[in-house]
Amino acid sequence: MSADKRIPVSEETRNELHNLKRPGQTYDELLSDLAQLRRRQDLEQRFVDLEEQARDDLTPLDDV
């Protein structure tokens, strides 16, 4: 593991993170899991946006 870094957070945020942490899970693991979840959500949203855009670009069969 690389050198430890400190990330300043409010007491409220620290408590929220603590409540999300599973027994035995480190904060590093928790933050990594949260970052991965965010990337997945962003990717899913991009697919939803593309699907909506594609629908807008399609011509209904009745109009053909």
PDB file of N, CA and C in Angstrom:
ATOM      1  N   MET A   1       0.850  -1.174   0.000  1.00  0.00           N
ATOM      2  CA  MET A   1       0.000   0.000   0.000  1.00  0.00           C
ATOM      3  C   MET A   1       0.895   1.236   0.000  1.00  0.00           C
ATOM      4  N   SER A   2       0.462   2.271  -0.688  1.00  0.00           N
ATOM      5  CA  SER A   2       1.250   3.497  -0.751  1.00  0.00           C
ATOM      6  C   SER A   2       1.136   4.261   0.560  1.00  0.00           C
ATOM      7  N   ALA A   3       1.836   5.367   0.629  1.00  0.00           N
ATOM      8  CA  ALA A   3       1.855   6.180   1.840  1.00  0.00           C
ATOM      9  C   ALA A   3       0.441   6.599   2.230  1.00  0.00           C
ATOM     10  N   ASP A   4       0.186   6.611   3.529  1.00  0.00           N
ATOM     11  CA  ASP A   4      -1.123   7.032   4.022  1.00  0.00           C
ATOM     12  C   ASP A   4      -1.297   8.525   3.827  1.00  0.00           C
ATOM     13  N   LYS A   5      -2.495   8.929   3.490  1.00  0.00           N
ATOM     14  CA  LYS A   5      -2.844  10.333   3.316  1.00  0.00           C
ATOM     15  C   LYS A   5      -4.037  10.633   4.212  1.00  0.00           C
ATOM     16  N   ARG A   6      -4.097  11.840   4.658  1.00  0.00           N
ATOM     17  CA  ARG A   6      -5.236  12.266   5.465  1.00  0.00           C
ATOM     18  C   ARG A   6      -6.214  13.022   4.579  1.00  0.00           C
ATOM     19  N   ILE A   7      -7.481  12.732   4.758  1.00  0.00           N
ATOM     20  CA  ILE A   7      -8.530  13.418   4.020  1.00  0.00           C
ATOM     21  C   ILE A   7      -9.425  14.089   5.062  1.00  0.00           C
ATOM     22  N   PRO A   8      -9.364  15.407   5.141  1.00  0.00           N
ATOM     23  CA  PRO A   8     -10.207  16.074   6.145  1.00  0.00           C
ATOM     24  C   PRO A   8     -11.685  15.974   5.790  1.00  0.00           C
ATOM     25  N   VAL A   9     -12.487  15.543   6.741  1.00  0.00           N
ATOM     26  CA  VAL A   9     -13.937  15.466   6.580  1.00  0.00           C
ATOM     27  C   VAL A   9     -14.586  15.991   7.856  1.00  0.00           C
ATOM     28  N   SER A  10     -15.820  16.422   7.721  1.00  0.00           N
ATOM     29  CA  SER A  10     -16.546  16.887   8.893  1.00  0.00           C
ATOM     30  C   SER A  10     -16.880  15.690   9.789  1.00  0.00           C
ATOM     31  N   GLU A  11     -17.210  15.970  11.023  1.00  0.00           N
ATOM     32  CA  GLU A  11     -17.596  14.912  11.954  1.00  0.00           C
ATOM     33  C   GLU A  11     -18.845  14.188  11.444  1.00  0.00           C
ATOM     34  N   GLU A  12     -19.760  14.954  10.851  1.00  0.00           N
ATOM     35  CA  GLU A  12     -20.990  14.364  10.302  1.00  0.00           C
ATOM     36  C   GLU A  12     -20.660  13.376   9.182  1.00  0.00           C
ATOM     37  N   THR A  13     -19.766  13.756   8.277  1.00  0.00           N
ATOM     38  CA  THR A  13     -19.378  12.867   7.175  1.00  0.00           C
ATOM     39  C   THR A  13     -18.659  11.643   7.712  1.00  0.00           C
ATOM     40  N   ARG A  14     -17.780  11.829   8.681  1.00  0.00           N
ATOM     41  CA  ARG A  14     -17.077  10.697   9.274  1.00  0.00           C
ATOM     42  C   ARG A  14     -18.058   9.717   9.902  1.00  0.00           C
ATOM     43  N   ASN A  15     -19.073  10.235  10.571  1.00  0.00           N
ATOM     44  CA  ASN A  15     -20.084   9.366  11.188  1.00  0.00           C
ATOM     45  C   ASN A  15     -20.879   8.607  10.116  1.00  0.00           C
ATOM     46  N   GLU A  16     -21.210   9.290   9.019  1.00  0.00           N
ATOM     47  CA  GLU A  16     -21.925   8.621   7.932  1.00  0.00           C
ATOM     48  C   GLU A  16     -21.077   7.502   7.336  1.00  0.00           C
ATOM     49  N   LEU A  17     -19.800   7.783   7.113  1.00  0.00           N
ATOM     50  CA  LEU A  17     -18.902   6.755   6.581  1.00  0.00           C
ATOM     51  C   LEU A  17     -18.779   5.589   7.559  1.00  0.00           C
ATOM     52  N   HIS A  18     -18.652   5.909   8.832  1.00  0.00           N
ATOM     53  CA  HIS A  18     -18.543   4.868   9.857  1.00  0.00           C
ATOM     54  C   HIS A  18     -19.774   3.962   9.839  1.00  0.00           C
ATOM     55  N   ASN A  19     -20.957   4.560   9.646  1.00  0.00           N
ATOM     56  CA  ASN A  19     -22.196   3.777   9.617  1.00  0.00           C
ATOM     57  C   ASN A  19     -22.304   2.917   8.359  1.00  0.00           C
ATOM     58  N   LEU A  20     -21.629   3.312   7.290  1.00  0.00           N
ATOM     59  CA  LEU A  20     -21.647   2.527   6.053  1.00  0.00           C
ATOM     60  C   LEU A  20     -20.654   1.367   6.080  1.00  0.00           C
ATOM     61  N   LYS A  21     -19.626   1.501   6.897  1.00  0.00           N
ATOM     62  CA  LYS A  21     -18.552   0.527   6.951  1.00  0.00           C
ATOM     63  C   LYS A  21     -19.050  -0.800   7.521  1.00  0.00           C
ATOM     64  N   ARG A  22     -18.655  -1.897   6.858  1.00  0.00           N
ATOM     65  CA  ARG A  22     -18.968  -3.234   7.358  1.00  0.00           C
ATOM     66  C   ARG A  22     -17.933  -3.620   8.419  1.00  0.00           C
ATOM     67  N   PRO A  23     -18.300  -4.526   9.324  1.00  0.00           N
ATOM     68  CA  PRO A  23     -17.320  -4.968  10.326  1.00  0.00           C
ATOM     69  C   PRO A  23     -16.055  -5.499   9.643  1.00  0.00           C
ATOM     70  N   GLY A  24     -14.920  -5.038  10.078  1.00  0.00           N
ATOM     71  CA  GLY A  24     -13.640  -5.472   9.539  1.00  0.00           C
ATOM     72  C   GLY A  24     -13.209  -4.731   8.286  1.00  0.00           C
ATOM     73  N   GLN A  25     -14.088  -3.939   7.708  1.00  0.00           N
ATOM     74  CA  GLN A  25     -13.765  -3.193   6.500  1.00  0.00           C
ATOM     75  C   GLN A  25     -12.993  -1.927   6.865  1.00  0.00           C
ATOM     76  N   THR A  26     -11.954  -1.643   6.120  1.00  0.00           N
ATOM     77  CA  THR A  26     -11.184  -0.425   6.354  1.00  0.00           C
ATOM     78  C   THR A  26     -11.854   0.748   5.644  1.00  0.00           C
ATOM     79  N   TYR A  27     -11.499   1.952   6.059  1.00  0.00           N
ATOM     80  CA  TYR A  27     -12.021   3.138   5.380  1.00  0.00           C
ATOM     81  C   TYR A  27     -11.522   3.175   3.937  1.00  0.00           C
ATOM     82  N   ASP A  28     -10.306   2.696   3.708  1.00  0.00           N
ATOM     83  CA  ASP A  28      -9.776   2.635   2.345  1.00  0.00           C
ATOM     84  C   ASP A  28     -10.651   1.742   1.477  1.00  0.00           C
ATOM     85  N   GLU A  29     -11.021   0.575   2.002  1.00  0.00           N
ATOM     86  CA  GLU A  29     -11.882  -0.339   1.255  1.00  0.00           C
ATOM     87  C   GLU A  29     -13.263   0.273   1.026  1.00  0.00           C
ATOM     88  N   LEU A  30     -13.802   0.922   2.054  1.00  0.00           N
ATOM     89  CA  LEU A  30     -15.106   1.563   1.928  1.00  0.00           C
ATOM     90  C   LEU A  30     -15.087   2.636   0.852  1.00  0.00           C
ATOM     91  N   LEU A  31     -14.084   3.502   0.890  1.00  0.00           N
ATOM     92  CA  LEU A  31     -14.004   4.578  -0.096  1.00  0.00           C
ATOM     93  C   LEU A  31     -13.785   4.033  -1.504  1.00  0.00           C
ATOM     94  N   SER A  32     -13.014   2.974  -1.619  1.00  0.00           N
ATOM     95  CA  SER A  32     -12.812   2.328  -2.915  1.00  0.00           C
ATOM     96  C   SER A  32     -14.134   1.768  -3.437  1.00  0.00           C
ATOM     97  N   ASP A  33     -14.897   1.108  -2.566  1.00  0.00           N
ATOM     98  CA  ASP A  33     -16.202   0.561  -2.946  1.00  0.00           C
ATOM     99  C   ASP A  33     -17.156   1.682  -3.370  1.00  0.00           C
ATOM    100  N   LEU A  34     -17.159   2.787  -2.630  1.00  0.00           N
ATOM    101  CA  LEU A  34     -18.029   3.918  -2.958  1.00  0.00           C
ATOM    102  C   LEU A  34     -17.637   4.540  -4.300  1.00  0.00           C
ATOM    103  N   ALA A  35     -16.334   4.636  -4.563  1.00  0.00           N
ATOM    104  CA  ALA A  35     -15.867   5.187  -5.839  1.00  0.00           C
ATOM    105  C   ALA A  35     -16.286   4.277  -6.988  1.00  0.00           C
ATOM    106  N   GLN A  36     -16.161   2.968  -6.812  1.00  0.00           N
ATOM    107  CA  GLN A  36     -16.570   2.017  -7.850  1.00  0.00           C
ATOM    108  C   GLN A  36     -18.075   2.107  -8.091  1.00  0.00           C
ATOM    109  N   LEU A  37     -18.855   2.215  -7.012  1.00  0.00           N
ATOM    110  CA  LEU A  37     -20.294   2.349  -7.137  1.00  0.00           C
ATOM    111  C   LEU A  37     -20.649   3.610  -7.929  1.00  0.00           C
ATOM    112  N   ARG A  38     -19.962   4.706  -7.644  1.00  0.00           N
ATOM    113  CA  ARG A  38     -20.221   5.961  -8.359  1.00  0.00           C
ATOM    114  C   ARG A  38     -19.892   5.822  -9.843  1.00  0.00           C
ATOM    115  N   ARG A  39     -18.772   5.170 -10.159  1.00  0.00           N
ATOM    116  CA  ARG A  39     -18.418   4.967 -11.569  1.00  0.00           C
ATOM    117  C   ARG A  39     -19.482   4.141 -12.283  1.00  0.00           C
ATOM    118  N   ARG A  40     -19.994   3.113 -11.625  1.00  0.00           N
ATOM    119  CA  ARG A  40     -21.043   2.274 -12.213  1.00  0.00           C
ATOM    120  C   ARG A  40     -22.317   3.076 -12.435  1.00  0.00           C
ATOM    121  N   GLN A  41     -22.679   3.902 -11.446  1.00  0.00           N
ATOM    122  CA  GLN A  41     -23.875   4.735 -11.590  1.00  0.00           C
ATOM    123  C   GLN A  41     -23.718   5.728 -12.739  1.00  0.00           C
ATOM    124  N   ASP A  42     -22.543   6.319 -12.854  1.00  0.00           N
ATOM    125  CA  ASP A  42     -22.280   7.254 -13.954  1.00  0.00           C
ATOM    126  C   ASP A  42     -22.388   6.548 -15.305  1.00  0.00           C
ATOM    127  N   LEU A  43     -21.836   5.343 -15.401  1.00  0.00           N
ATOM    128  CA  LEU A  43     -21.896   4.580 -16.645  1.00  0.00           C
ATOM    129  C   LEU A  43     -23.343   4.211 -16.971  1.00  0.00           C
ATOM    130  N   GLU A  44     -24.077   3.779 -15.968  1.00  0.00           N
ATOM    131  CA  GLU A  44     -25.490   3.435 -16.168  1.00  0.00           C
ATOM    132  C   GLU A  44     -26.269   4.658 -16.652  1.00  0.00           C
ATOM    133  N   GLN A  45     -25.999   5.812 -16.076  1.00  0.00           N
ATOM    134  CA  GLN A  45     -26.691   7.026 -16.497  1.00  0.00           C
ATOM    135  C   GLN A  45     -26.351   7.386 -17.940  1.00  0.00           C
ATOM    136  N   ARG A  46     -25.101   7.171 -18.338  1.00  0.00           N
ATOM    137  CA  ARG A  46     -24.723   7.428 -19.730  1.00  0.00           C
ATOM    138  C   ARG A  46     -25.505   6.528 -20.686  1.00  0.00           C
ATOM    139  N   PHE A  47     -25.700   5.257 -20.317  1.00  0.00           N
ATOM    140  CA  PHE A  47     -26.495   4.349 -21.147  1.00  0.00           C
ATOM    141  C   PHE A  47     -27.948   4.814 -21.225  1.00  0.00           C
ATOM    142  N   VAL A  48     -28.500   5.239 -20.096  1.00  0.00           N
ATOM    143  CA  VAL A  48     -29.877   5.742 -20.083  1.00  0.00           C
ATOM    144  C   VAL A  48     -29.990   6.966 -20.983  1.00  0.00           C
ATOM    145  N   ASP A  49     -29.040   7.880 -20.883  1.00  0.00           N
ATOM    146  CA  ASP A  49     -29.052   9.084 -21.713  1.00  0.00           C
ATOM    147  C   ASP A  49     -28.954   8.733 -23.194  1.00  0.00           C
ATOM    148  N   LEU A  50     -28.077   7.782 -23.530  1.00  0.00           N
ATOM    149  CA  LEU A  50     -27.939   7.365 -24.924  1.00  0.00           C
ATOM    150  C   LEU A  50     -29.207   6.702 -25.435  1.00  0.00           C
ATOM    151  N   GLU A  51     -29.826   5.895 -24.607  1.00  0.00           N
ATOM    152  CA  GLU A  51     -31.064   5.222 -25.002  1.00  0.00           C
ATOM    153  C   GLU A  51     -32.169   6.249 -25.261  1.00  0.00           C
ATOM    154  N   GLU A  52     -32.280   7.240 -24.394  1.00  0.00           N
ATOM    155  CA  GLU A  52     -33.283   8.288 -24.583  1.00  0.00           C
ATOM    156  C   GLU A  52     -32.992   9.095 -25.842  1.00  0.00           C
ATOM    157  N   GLN A  53     -31.729   9.384 -26.064  1.00  0.00           N
ATOM    158  CA  GLN A  53     -31.338  10.135 -27.255  1.00  0.00           C
ATOM    159  C   GLN A  53     -31.674   9.333 -28.514  1.00  0.00           C
ATOM    160  N   ALA A  54     -31.411   8.042 -28.481  1.00  0.00           N
ATOM    161  CA  ALA A  54     -31.690   7.190 -29.639  1.00  0.00           C
ATOM    162  C   ALA A  54     -33.186   7.154 -29.920  1.00  0.00           C
ATOM    163  N   ARG A  55     -34.014   7.092 -28.877  1.00  0.00           N
ATOM    164  CA  ARG A  55     -35.464   7.089 -29.065  1.00  0.00           C
ATOM    165  C   ARG A  55     -35.920   8.378 -29.733  1.00  0.00           C
ATOM    166  N   ASP A  56     -35.338   9.491 -29.320  1.00  0.00           N
ATOM    167  CA  ASP A  56     -35.712  10.784 -29.893  1.00  0.00           C
ATOM    168  C   ASP A  56     -35.345  10.860 -31.371  1.00  0.00           C
ATOM    169  N   ASP A  57     -34.291  10.141 -31.769  1.00  0.00           N
ATOM    170  CA  ASP A  57     -33.817  10.185 -33.153  1.00  0.00           C
ATOM    171  C   ASP A  57     -34.563   9.218 -34.072  1.00  0.00           C
ATOM    172  N   LEU A  58     -35.339   8.309 -33.500  1.00  0.00           N
ATOM    173  CA  LEU A  58     -36.024   7.301 -34.304  1.00  0.00           C
ATOM    174  C   LEU A  58     -37.332   7.842 -34.884  1.00  0.00           C
ATOM    175  N   THR A  59     -37.680   7.359 -36.048  1.00  0.00           N
ATOM    176  CA  THR A  59     -38.940   7.715 -36.684  1.00  0.00           C
ATOM    177  C   THR A  59     -39.941   6.599 -36.405  1.00  0.00           C
ATOM    178  N   PRO A  60     -41.127   6.943 -35.915  1.00  0.00           N
ATOM    179  CA  PRO A  60     -42.140   5.887 -35.670  1.00  0.00           C
ATOM    180  C   PRO A  60     -42.464   5.152 -36.962  1.00  0.00           C
ATOM    181  N   LEU A  61     -42.726   3.844 -36.881  1.00  0.00           N
ATOM    182  CA  LEU A  61     -43.033   3.040 -38.061  1.00  0.00           C
ATOM    183  C   LEU A  61     -44.274   3.556 -38.794  1.00  0.00           C
ATOM    184  N   ASP A  62     -45.214   4.090 -38.068  1.00  0.00           N
ATOM    185  CA  ASP A  62     -46.431   4.627 -38.695  1.00  0.00           C
ATOM    186  C   ASP A  62     -46.115   5.793 -39.631  1.00  0.00           C
ATOM    187  N   ASP A  63     -44.999   6.470 -39.399  1.00  0.00           N
ATOM    188  CA  ASP A  63     -44.612   7.624 -40.230  1.00  0.00           C
ATOM    189  C   ASP A  63     -43.801   7.217 -41.440  1.00  0.00           C
ATOM    190  N   VAL A  64     -43.492   5.941 -41.584  1.00  0.00           N
ATOM    191  CA  VAL A  64     -42.660   5.490 -42.708  1.00  0.00           C
ATOM    192  C   VAL A  64     -43.523   5.138 -43.895  1.00  0.00           C
TER     193      VAL A  64
END
